[in-house]
C-alpha cells in the first residue's frame, strides 16, 4: 500500500514548503521513500488527484469543535460548514474567528474538539503562534474539492483516502515534551537535533510496535531538517499506516467519531474518543 505523510502549512513558500514523504506498507513494515516539497497549493491539489490506491495522513485540523459550530451559527454538517468557510476570504475568516473570541469570557474563547482534548492538541480556532485555524481554512476546502475519502466525514474515491494526522501526540509518547524542531534559525539548537535523532532511533528500533503494530524503516537524513517538517511527515505516515492496518479507512468504526468534528488518526486519541459519552456519539 502506498502511504503518504504530509506536513502542511497555511502559506507554503520555498523557505517553508509543504513536505510529503512517500512510504510503502507491506504487511506490518512501513518503509520511508522519496521526499517531495511543494511551494504552492497547486502542487498539493495535484497530489490529491493522483490515482490510487493510497492513504495519506495530513497534519492540520480537518474540522472545528461542535460547540464552536453550533454557537457561532455555522451550518452543522461538516461539508456544509467547510463550504461556508470557503466562501470567505482569508481576512474575513480571520475576522469571524476574532469577532467570536471577543464575545467570549476569558478561558472560553477557543474550543477544542474531543479528539484535540484526547491528543493534547490546540483548538482549531487558533490563529496565532502555530496558526492551525488558517491551516484548516486552506486545507479542508481542498480536501472537499478533491473528492478524496475521509473516513467518517466524506465518502469520495475509495482508492484515495485521507486521514487527519498530528505528529505531536506520537512524538510525546517517545521523547516526552522535549523540543525537537524550530523554524526560526536563531532558536535552533544542537539539543533539538539530538531530540530528532533520539525520536527516529526509537521509531526504527521497535518502540512503536506494541501501540501502532508497525515496524518502521526510515533514513537518518529526515532528521537534518531543523524545522522538523521532514520528520513530522514520517510521523504522519505512521499514523496513516496505523489507520489502514486497523481497518479504520474501511469505515469499520462509523459510530466512534463525531461527524461534525472529525478525528485524529492515532491510537491514543481514537481510543479515548471511542469511550466518549452517548451525547458525543449523536449523529446529524
C-alpha atoms as a PDB file:
ATOM      1  CA  UNK A   1       0.000   0.000   0.000  1.00  0.00           C
ATOM      2  CA  UNK A   2       1.253   3.500  -0.824  1.00  0.00           C
ATOM      3  CA  UNK A   3       1.262   5.708   2.262  1.00  0.00           C
ATOM      4  CA  UNK A   4       1.948   9.441   2.272  1.00  0.00           C
ATOM      5  CA  UNK A   5       2.787  11.594   5.261  1.00  0.00           C
ATOM      6  CA  UNK A   6       2.175  15.280   4.591  1.00  0.00           C
ATOM      7  CA  UNK A   7       3.331  18.097   6.844  1.00  0.00           C
ATOM      8  CA  UNK A   8       1.070  21.005   5.909  1.00  0.00           C
ATOM      9  CA  UNK A   9       1.469  24.773   6.172  1.00  0.00           C
ATOM     10  CA  UNK A  10      -1.073  27.545   5.724  1.00  0.00           C
ATOM     11  CA  UNK A  11       1.223  29.562   3.456  1.00  0.00           C
ATOM     12  CA  UNK A  12       3.714  27.385   1.523  1.00  0.00           C
ATOM     13  CA  UNK A  13       6.894  29.058   0.285  1.00  0.00           C
ATOM     14  CA  UNK A  14      10.376  27.977  -0.747  1.00  0.00           C
ATOM     15  CA  UNK A  15      11.524  28.574   2.808  1.00  0.00           C
ATOM     16  CA  UNK A  16       8.552  26.730   4.348  1.00  0.00           C
ATOM     17  CA  UNK A  17       7.113  24.272   1.810  1.00  0.00           C
ATOM     18  CA  UNK A  18       4.564  21.518   2.295  1.00  0.00           C
ATOM     19  CA  UNK A  19       6.578  18.341   2.892  1.00  0.00           C
ATOM     20  CA  UNK A  20       5.338  14.972   1.613  1.00  0.00           C
ATOM     21  CA  UNK A  21       7.036  11.650   2.347  1.00  0.00           C
ATOM     22  CA  UNK A  22       6.141   8.662   0.161  1.00  0.00           C
ATOM     23  CA  UNK A  23       6.222   5.377   2.078  1.00  0.00           C
ATOM     24  CA  UNK A  24       5.214   1.817   1.283  1.00  0.00           C
ATOM     25  CA  UNK A  25       3.408  -0.530   3.652  1.00  0.00           C
ATOM     26  CA  UNK A  26       3.841  -4.281   3.237  1.00  0.00           C
ATOM     27  CA  UNK A  27       2.157  -6.322   5.953  1.00  0.00           C
ATOM     28  CA  UNK A  28       3.357  -4.539   9.123  1.00  0.00           C
ATOM     29  CA  UNK A  29       6.517  -2.953   7.685  1.00  0.00           C
ATOM     30  CA  UNK A  30       6.449   0.735   6.720  1.00  0.00           C
ATOM     31  CA  UNK A  31       9.396   1.838   4.571  1.00  0.00           C
ATOM     32  CA  UNK A  32      10.125   5.535   4.055  1.00  0.00           C
ATOM     33  CA  UNK A  33      10.971   6.547   0.498  1.00  0.00           C
ATOM     34  CA  UNK A  34      11.134   9.745  -1.525  1.00  0.00           C
ATOM     35  CA  UNK A  35      10.501  13.182  -0.079  1.00  0.00           C
ATOM     36  CA  UNK A  36       8.752  15.943  -2.042  1.00  0.00           C
ATOM     37  CA  UNK A  37       8.460  19.630  -1.166  1.00  0.00           C
ATOM     38  CA  UNK A  38       5.646  21.757  -2.596  1.00  0.00           C
ATOM     39  CA  UNK A  39       5.994  25.532  -2.585  1.00  0.00           C
ATOM     40  CA  UNK A  40       2.367  26.266  -3.521  1.00  0.00           C
ATOM     41  CA  UNK A  41      -1.105  24.836  -3.060  1.00  0.00           C
ATOM     42  CA  UNK A  42      -1.399  23.832  -6.716  1.00  0.00           C
ATOM     43  CA  UNK A  43       1.147  21.057  -6.208  1.00  0.00           C
ATOM     44  CA  UNK A  44      -0.770  19.880  -3.130  1.00  0.00           C
ATOM     45  CA  UNK A  45      -4.053  19.837  -5.062  1.00  0.00           C
ATOM     46  CA  UNK A  46      -2.476  17.852  -7.902  1.00  0.00           C
ATOM     47  CA  UNK A  47      -1.074  15.334  -5.423  1.00  0.00           C
ATOM     48  CA  UNK A  48      -4.555  14.737  -4.002  1.00  0.00           C
ATOM     49  CA  UNK A  49      -5.692  13.805  -7.518  1.00  0.00           C
ATOM     50  CA  UNK A  50      -3.017  11.165  -8.089  1.00  0.00           C
ATOM     51  CA  UNK A  51      -4.603   7.801  -8.896  1.00  0.00           C
ATOM     52  CA  UNK A  52      -4.811   5.354  -6.003  1.00  0.00           C
ATOM     53  CA  UNK A  53      -4.709   3.181  -4.158  1.00  0.00           C
ATOM     54  CA  UNK A  54      -3.087   5.248  -1.428  1.00  0.00           C
ATOM     55  CA  UNK A  55      -3.723   6.642   2.030  1.00  0.00           C
ATOM     56  CA  UNK A  56      -2.322   9.940   3.289  1.00  0.00           C
ATOM     57  CA  UNK A  57      -2.002  11.377   6.777  1.00  0.00           C
ATOM     58  CA  UNK A  58      -2.060  15.183   6.692  1.00  0.00           C
ATOM     59  CA  UNK A  59      -1.154  17.415   9.619  1.00  0.00           C
ATOM     60  CA  UNK A  60      -3.878  20.019  10.009  1.00  0.00           C
ATOM     61  CA  UNK A  61      -7.286  20.012  11.748  1.00  0.00           C
ATOM     62  CA  UNK A  62      -9.966  18.805   9.336  1.00  0.00           C
ATOM     63  CA  UNK A  63     -12.799  20.190  11.440  1.00  0.00           C
ATOM     64  CA  UNK A  64     -13.904  22.572  14.171  1.00  0.00           C
ATOM     65  CA  UNK A  65     -15.341  21.892  17.604  1.00  0.00           C
ATOM     66  CA  UNK A  66     -19.068  21.146  17.652  1.00  0.00           C
ATOM     67  CA  UNK A  67     -19.500  23.780  20.366  1.00  0.00           C
ATOM     68  CA  UNK A  68     -17.948  26.446  18.147  1.00  0.00           C
ATOM     69  CA  UNK A  69     -20.010  25.471  15.088  1.00  0.00           C
ATOM     70  CA  UNK A  70     -23.284  25.459  16.988  1.00  0.00           C
ATOM     71  CA  UNK A  71     -22.568  28.656  18.956  1.00  0.00           C
ATOM     72  CA  UNK A  72     -21.368  30.782  16.041  1.00  0.00           C
ATOM     73  CA  UNK A  73     -24.279  29.570  13.896  1.00  0.00           C
ATOM     74  CA  UNK A  74     -22.384  27.992  11.007  1.00  0.00           C
ATOM     75  CA  UNK A  75     -24.084  25.093   9.163  1.00  0.00           C
ATOM     76  CA  UNK A  76     -23.857  21.955  11.297  1.00  0.00           C
ATOM     77  CA  UNK A  77     -22.852  19.433   8.628  1.00  0.00           C
ATOM     78  CA  UNK A  78     -19.097  19.020   8.115  1.00  0.00           C
ATOM     79  CA  UNK A  79     -19.045  19.687   4.362  1.00  0.00           C
ATOM     80  CA  UNK A  80     -21.591  22.480   4.781  1.00  0.00           C
ATOM     81  CA  UNK A  81     -19.511  24.463   7.254  1.00  0.00           C
ATOM     82  CA  UNK A  82     -16.371  23.792   5.211  1.00  0.00           C
ATOM     83  CA  UNK A  83     -18.129  25.356   2.221  1.00  0.00           C
ATOM     84  CA  UNK A  84     -19.147  28.302   4.398  1.00  0.00           C
ATOM     85  CA  UNK A  85     -15.518  28.830   5.370  1.00  0.00           C
ATOM     86  CA  UNK A  86     -14.553  28.565   1.708  1.00  0.00           C
ATOM     87  CA  UNK A  87     -16.994  31.350   0.834  1.00  0.00           C
ATOM     88  CA  UNK A  88     -14.947  33.747   2.991  1.00  0.00           C
ATOM     89  CA  UNK A  89     -11.696  35.440   2.129  1.00  0.00           C
ATOM     90  CA  UNK A  90      -8.751  34.666   4.372  1.00  0.00           C
ATOM     91  CA  UNK A  91      -9.130  38.033   6.131  1.00  0.00           C
ATOM     92  CA  UNK A  92     -12.907  37.549   6.523  1.00  0.00           C
ATOM     93  CA  UNK A  93     -12.356  34.110   8.042  1.00  0.00           C
ATOM     94  CA  UNK A  94      -9.825  35.549  10.446  1.00  0.00           C
ATOM     95  CA  UNK A  95     -12.210  38.345  11.437  1.00  0.00           C
ATOM     96  CA  UNK A  96     -15.112  35.921  12.064  1.00  0.00           C
ATOM     97  CA  UNK A  97     -12.952  33.935  14.463  1.00  0.00           C
ATOM     98  CA  UNK A  98     -11.599  37.065  16.147  1.00  0.00           C
ATOM     99  CA  UNK A  99     -15.101  38.519  16.495  1.00  0.00           C
ATOM    100  CA  UNK A 100     -16.248  35.285  18.116  1.00  0.00           C
ATOM    101  CA  UNK A 101     -13.357  35.448  20.573  1.00  0.00           C
ATOM    102  CA  UNK A 102     -14.307  38.997  21.557  1.00  0.00           C
ATOM    103  CA  UNK A 103     -17.775  37.851  22.660  1.00  0.00           C
ATOM    104  CA  UNK A 104     -16.458  35.110  24.955  1.00  0.00           C
ATOM    105  CA  UNK A 105     -15.290  35.301  28.541  1.00  0.00           C
ATOM    106  CA  UNK A 106     -11.680  34.612  29.422  1.00  0.00           C
ATOM    107  CA  UNK A 107     -10.872  30.913  29.320  1.00  0.00           C
ATOM    108  CA  UNK A 108     -13.746  30.166  26.953  1.00  0.00           C
ATOM    109  CA  UNK A 109     -12.674  31.892  23.760  1.00  0.00           C
ATOM    110  CA  UNK A 110     -11.428  28.879  21.800  1.00  0.00           C
ATOM    111  CA  UNK A 111     -12.920  25.389  21.869  1.00  0.00           C
ATOM    112  CA  UNK A 112     -11.228  22.063  21.311  1.00  0.00           C
ATOM    113  CA  UNK A 113     -12.714  19.017  19.699  1.00  0.00           C
ATOM    114  CA  UNK A 114     -13.000  15.791  21.687  1.00  0.00           C
ATOM    115  CA  UNK A 115     -10.090  14.404  19.672  1.00  0.00           C
ATOM    116  CA  UNK A 116      -7.988  17.513  20.444  1.00  0.00           C
ATOM    117  CA  UNK A 117      -8.547  17.062  24.166  1.00  0.00           C
ATOM    118  CA  UNK A 118      -7.521  13.405  23.946  1.00  0.00           C
ATOM    119  CA  UNK A 119      -4.458  14.142  21.799  1.00  0.00           C
ATOM    120  CA  UNK A 120      -3.324  17.268  23.633  1.00  0.00           C
ATOM    121  CA  UNK A 121      -3.625  19.460  20.533  1.00  0.00           C
ATOM    122  CA  UNK A 122      -4.738  23.087  20.455  1.00  0.00           C
ATOM    123  CA  UNK A 123      -8.097  24.466  19.326  1.00  0.00           C
ATOM    124  CA  UNK A 124      -8.580  24.530  15.544  1.00  0.00           C
ATOM    125  CA  UNK A 125      -9.746  28.126  16.008  1.00  0.00           C
ATOM    126  CA  UNK A 126      -6.199  29.198  16.912  1.00  0.00           C
ATOM    127  CA  UNK A 127      -4.844  31.930  14.616  1.00  0.00           C
ATOM    128  CA  UNK A 128      -1.582  32.840  16.345  1.00  0.00           C
ATOM    129  CA  UNK A 129       1.647  31.005  17.131  1.00  0.00           C
ATOM    130  CA  UNK A 130       1.056  27.854  15.095  1.00  0.00           C
ATOM    131  CA  UNK A 131      -1.996  29.122  13.150  1.00  0.00           C
ATOM    132  CA  UNK A 132      -3.897  25.839  12.855  1.00  0.00           C
ATOM    133  CA  UNK A 133      -7.097  27.817  12.191  1.00  0.00           C
ATOM    134  CA  UNK A 134      -5.569  29.090   8.955  1.00  0.00           C
ATOM    135  CA  UNK A 135      -4.313  25.589   8.152  1.00  0.00           C
ATOM    136  CA  UNK A 136      -7.917  24.395   8.472  1.00  0.00           C
ATOM    137  CA  UNK A 137      -9.091  27.275   6.273  1.00  0.00           C
ATOM    138  CA  UNK A 138      -6.616  26.466   3.497  1.00  0.00           C
ATOM    139  CA  UNK A 139      -6.644  22.688   3.776  1.00  0.00           C
ATOM    140  CA  UNK A 140     -10.178  21.479   4.476  1.00  0.00           C
ATOM    141  CA  UNK A 141     -11.858  23.057   1.417  1.00  0.00           C
ATOM    142  CA  UNK A 142      -9.196  21.484  -0.791  1.00  0.00           C
ATOM    143  CA  UNK A 143      -9.999  18.067   0.661  1.00  0.00           C
ATOM    144  CA  UNK A 144     -13.686  18.563  -0.106  1.00  0.00           C
ATOM    145  CA  UNK A 145     -12.918  19.697  -3.657  1.00  0.00           C
ATOM    146  CA  UNK A 146     -10.587  16.754  -4.306  1.00  0.00           C
ATOM    147  CA  UNK A 147     -13.321  14.161  -3.618  1.00  0.00           C
ATOM    148  CA  UNK A 148     -10.983  12.021  -1.543  1.00  0.00           C
ATOM    149  CA  UNK A 149     -12.451   9.659   1.007  1.00  0.00           C
ATOM    150  CA  UNK A 150     -12.109  10.877   4.590  1.00  0.00           C
ATOM    151  CA  UNK A 151     -13.336   8.123   6.913  1.00  0.00           C
ATOM    152  CA  UNK A 152     -16.458   9.178   8.829  1.00  0.00           C
ATOM    153  CA  UNK A 153     -16.519  12.599   7.118  1.00  0.00           C
ATOM    154  CA  UNK A 154     -16.607  12.261   3.327  1.00  0.00           C
ATOM    155  CA  UNK A 155     -17.329   9.343   1.012  1.00  0.00           C
ATOM    156  CA  UNK A 156     -15.297  10.015  -2.114  1.00  0.00           C
ATOM    157  CA  UNK A 157     -12.930   7.980  -4.237  1.00  0.00           C
ATOM    158  CA  UNK A 158     -12.329   4.796  -2.192  1.00  0.00           C
ATOM    159  CA  UNK A 159      -8.814   4.452  -3.627  1.00  0.00           C
ATOM    160  CA  UNK A 160      -7.723   7.912  -2.419  1.00  0.00           C
ATOM    161  CA  UNK A 161      -8.031   8.050   1.358  1.00  0.00           C
ATOM    162  CA  UNK A 162      -7.011  10.876   3.672  1.00  0.00           C
ATOM    163  CA  UNK A 163      -6.878  10.921   7.473  1.00  0.00           C
ATOM    164  CA  UNK A 164      -6.000  13.707   9.888  1.00  0.00           C
ATOM    165  CA  UNK A 165      -2.565  13.287  11.444  1.00  0.00           C
ATOM    166  CA  UNK A 166      -1.000  15.016  14.440  1.00  0.00           C
ATOM    167  CA  UNK A 167       2.725  14.276  14.896  1.00  0.00           C
ATOM    168  CA  UNK A 168       2.860  15.827  18.361  1.00  0.00           C
ATOM    169  CA  UNK A 169       0.871  13.084  20.061  1.00  0.00           C
ATOM    170  CA  UNK A 170       3.170  10.415  18.616  1.00  0.00           C
ATOM    171  CA  UNK A 171       6.389  12.294  19.384  1.00  0.00           C
ATOM    172  CA  UNK A 172       5.422  12.876  23.014  1.00  0.00           C
ATOM    173  CA  UNK A 173       4.910   9.152  23.532  1.00  0.00           C
ATOM    174  CA  UNK A 174       8.562   8.569  22.589  1.00  0.00           C
ATOM    175  CA  UNK A 175      10.554  11.603  23.794  1.00  0.00           C
ATOM    176  CA  UNK A 176       8.156  13.377  26.126  1.00  0.00           C
ATOM    177  CA  UNK A 177       7.970  17.162  25.847  1.00  0.00           C
ATOM    178  CA  UNK A 178      11.498  17.642  24.528  1.00  0.00           C
ATOM    179  CA  UNK A 179      11.740  20.295  21.811  1.00  0.00           C
ATOM    180  CA  UNK A 180      12.804  18.702  18.529  1.00  0.00           C
ATOM    181  CA  UNK A 181      12.081  21.386  15.914  1.00  0.00           C
ATOM    182  CA  UNK A 182      12.209  25.135  15.341  1.00  0.00           C
ATOM    183  CA  UNK A 183      11.512  27.204  12.220  1.00  0.00           C
ATOM    184  CA  UNK A 184      13.345  30.295  13.483  1.00  0.00           C
ATOM    185  CA  UNK A 185      17.032  29.860  12.683  1.00  0.00           C
ATOM    186  CA  UNK A 186      18.291  31.793  15.706  1.00  0.00           C
ATOM    187  CA  UNK A 187      16.359  29.487  18.039  1.00  0.00           C
ATOM    188  CA  UNK A 188      17.605  26.217  16.526  1.00  0.00           C
ATOM    189  CA  UNK A 189      19.842  24.272  18.921  1.00  0.00           C
ATOM    190  CA  UNK A 190      22.030  21.134  18.964  1.00  0.00           C
ATOM    191  CA  UNK A 191      19.708  19.708  21.629  1.00  0.00           C
ATOM    192  CA  UNK A 192      16.851  19.775  19.135  1.00  0.00           C
ATOM    193  CA  UNK A 193      18.906  17.762  16.637  1.00  0.00           C
ATOM    194  CA  UNK A 194      19.705  15.269  19.396  1.00  0.00           C
ATOM    195  CA  UNK A 195      15.980  15.013  20.165  1.00  0.00           C
ATOM    196  CA  UNK A 196      15.164  14.373  16.489  1.00  0.00           C
ATOM    197  CA  UNK A 197      17.804  11.641  16.318  1.00  0.00           C
ATOM    198  CA  UNK A 198      16.500  10.077  19.542  1.00  0.00           C
ATOM    199  CA  UNK A 199      12.957  10.194  18.188  1.00  0.00           C
ATOM    200  CA  UNK A 200      13.941   8.482  14.948  1.00  0.00           C
ATOM    201  CA  UNK A 201      16.046   5.927  16.812  1.00  0.00           C
ATOM    202  CA  UNK A 202      13.085   4.915  18.959  1.00  0.00           C
ATOM    203  CA  UNK A 203      10.862   4.694  15.867  1.00  0.00           C
ATOM    204  CA  UNK A 204      13.153   2.404  13.877  1.00  0.00           C
ATOM    205  CA  UNK A 205      14.145   0.282  16.871  1.00  0.00           C
ATOM    206  CA  UNK A 206      10.689  -1.048  17.590  1.00  0.00           C
ATOM    207  CA  UNK A 207       9.289   1.262  20.255  1.00  0.00           C
ATOM    208  CA  UNK A 208       6.131   1.756  18.156  1.00  0.00           C
ATOM    209  CA  UNK A 209       5.256  -1.870  17.602  1.00  0.00           C
ATOM    210  CA  UNK A 210       3.124  -2.523  20.680  1.00  0.00           C
ATOM    211  CA  UNK A 211       0.891   0.510  20.157  1.00  0.00           C
ATOM    212  CA  UNK A 212       0.958   1.021  16.384  1.00  0.00           C
ATOM    213  CA  UNK A 213       1.627  -2.533  15.232  1.00  0.00           C
ATOM    214  CA  UNK A 214       4.292  -1.349  12.788  1.00  0.00           C
ATOM    215  CA  UNK A 215       7.955  -1.852  12.043  1.00  0.00           C
ATOM    216  CA  UNK A 216       9.384   1.335  10.509  1.00  0.00           C
ATOM    217  CA  UNK A 217      12.401   1.724   8.248  1.00  0.00           C
ATOM    218  CA  UNK A 218      13.497   5.317   7.653  1.00  0.00           C
ATOM    219  CA  UNK A 219      16.637   7.227   6.778  1.00  0.00           C
ATOM    220  CA  UNK A 220      18.624   9.381   9.197  1.00  0.00           C
ATOM    221  CA  UNK A 221      18.518  12.255   6.693  1.00  0.00           C
ATOM    222  CA  UNK A 222      14.967  13.010   7.798  1.00  0.00           C
ATOM    223  CA  UNK A 223      16.476  14.441  10.998  1.00  0.00           C
ATOM    224  CA  UNK A 224      18.620  17.003   9.186  1.00  0.00           C
ATOM    225  CA  UNK A 225      15.730  19.452   8.685  1.00  0.00           C
ATOM    226  CA  UNK A 226      15.844  21.737  11.771  1.00  0.00           C
ATOM    227  CA  UNK A 227      12.219  22.737  11.262  1.00  0.00           C
ATOM    228  CA  UNK A 228      11.231  19.108  11.796  1.00  0.00           C
ATOM    229  CA  UNK A 229       8.927  19.033   8.773  1.00  0.00           C
ATOM    230  CA  UNK A 230      10.588  16.001   7.183  1.00  0.00           C
ATOM    231  CA  UNK A 231      10.468  14.009  10.406  1.00  0.00           C
ATOM    232  CA  UNK A 232       6.891  15.133  11.025  1.00  0.00           C
ATOM    233  CA  UNK A 233       5.970  13.834   7.564  1.00  0.00           C
ATOM    234  CA  UNK A 234       7.218  10.410   8.681  1.00  0.00           C
ATOM    235  CA  UNK A 235       5.107  10.617  11.846  1.00  0.00           C
ATOM    236  CA  UNK A 236       2.068  11.488   9.704  1.00  0.00           C
ATOM    237  CA  UNK A 237       2.748   8.450   7.515  1.00  0.00           C
ATOM    238  CA  UNK A 238       2.972   6.212  10.588  1.00  0.00           C
ATOM    239  CA  UNK A 239      -0.441   7.402  11.778  1.00  0.00           C
ATOM    240  CA  UNK A 240      -1.952   6.869   8.319  1.00  0.00           C
ATOM    241  CA  UNK A 241      -0.460   3.361   8.137  1.00  0.00           C
ATOM    242  CA  UNK A 242      -1.887   2.565  11.584  1.00  0.00           C
ATOM    243  CA  UNK A 243      -5.349   3.681  10.450  1.00  0.00           C
ATOM    244  CA  UNK A 244      -5.069   1.492   7.355  1.00  0.00           C
ATOM    245  CA  UNK A 245      -3.906  -1.535   9.349  1.00  0.00           C
ATOM    246  CA  UNK A 246      -6.725  -1.092  11.847  1.00  0.00           C
ATOM    247  CA  UNK A 247      -9.333  -1.033   9.101  1.00  0.00           C
ATOM    248  CA  UNK A 248     -10.485   2.454  10.085  1.00  0.00           C
ATOM    249  CA  UNK A 249     -10.050   3.592   6.487  1.00  0.00           C
ATOM    250  CA  UNK A 250     -12.644   0.978   5.553  1.00  0.00           C
ATOM    251  CA  UNK A 251     -15.338   2.601   7.714  1.00  0.00           C
ATOM    252  CA  UNK A 252     -15.413  -0.260  10.214  1.00  0.00           C
ATOM    253  CA  UNK A 253     -15.959   2.073  13.168  1.00  0.00           C
ATOM    254  CA  UNK A 254     -18.520   4.617  11.891  1.00  0.00           C
ATOM    255  CA  UNK A 255     -20.085   5.468  15.240  1.00  0.00           C
ATOM    256  CA  UNK A 256     -16.968   6.290  17.237  1.00  0.00           C
ATOM    257  CA  UNK A 257     -16.407   9.767  15.827  1.00  0.00           C
ATOM    258  CA  UNK A 258     -18.412  12.975  15.948  1.00  0.00           C
ATOM    259  CA  UNK A 259     -19.192  13.611  12.255  1.00  0.00           C
ATOM    260  CA  UNK A 260     -19.141  17.363  12.869  1.00  0.00           C
ATOM    261  CA  UNK A 261     -15.647  17.419  14.390  1.00  0.00           C
ATOM    262  CA  UNK A 262     -13.627  14.638  12.776  1.00  0.00           C
ATOM    263  CA  UNK A 263     -10.820  12.662  14.402  1.00  0.00           C
ATOM    264  CA  UNK A 264      -7.039  12.371  14.683  1.00  0.00           C
ATOM    265  CA  UNK A 265      -5.633   9.097  13.334  1.00  0.00           C
ATOM    266  CA  UNK A 266      -3.705   7.862  16.344  1.00  0.00           C
ATOM    267  CA  UNK A 267      -4.480   5.054  18.796  1.00  0.00           C
ATOM    268  CA  UNK A 268      -4.316   7.297  21.884  1.00  0.00           C
ATOM    269  CA  UNK A 269      -6.960   9.918  20.954  1.00  0.00           C
ATOM    270  CA  UNK A 270      -9.030   7.452  18.929  1.00  0.00           C
ATOM    271  CA  UNK A 271      -9.473   5.078  21.848  1.00  0.00           C
ATOM    272  CA  UNK A 272     -10.233   7.966  24.178  1.00  0.00           C
ATOM    273  CA  UNK A 273     -12.844   9.338  21.784  1.00  0.00           C
ATOM    274  CA  UNK A 274     -14.419   5.912  21.340  1.00  0.00           C
ATOM    275  CA  UNK A 275     -15.168   5.873  25.080  1.00  0.00           C
ATOM    276  CA  UNK A 276     -16.969   9.231  24.927  1.00  0.00           C
ATOM    277  CA  UNK A 277     -20.418   9.853  26.294  1.00  0.00           C
ATOM    278  CA  UNK A 278     -23.573   8.887  24.354  1.00  0.00           C
ATOM    279  CA  UNK A 279     -24.242  12.558  23.580  1.00  0.00           C
ATOM    280  CA  UNK A 280     -20.894  12.760  21.782  1.00  0.00           C
ATOM    281  CA  UNK A 281     -21.891   9.844  19.579  1.00  0.00           C
ATOM    282  CA  UNK A 282     -25.076  11.511  18.308  1.00  0.00           C
ATOM    283  CA  UNK A 283     -25.051  11.853  14.531  1.00  0.00           C
ATOM    284  CA  UNK A 284     -26.709  14.539  12.409  1.00  0.00           C
END
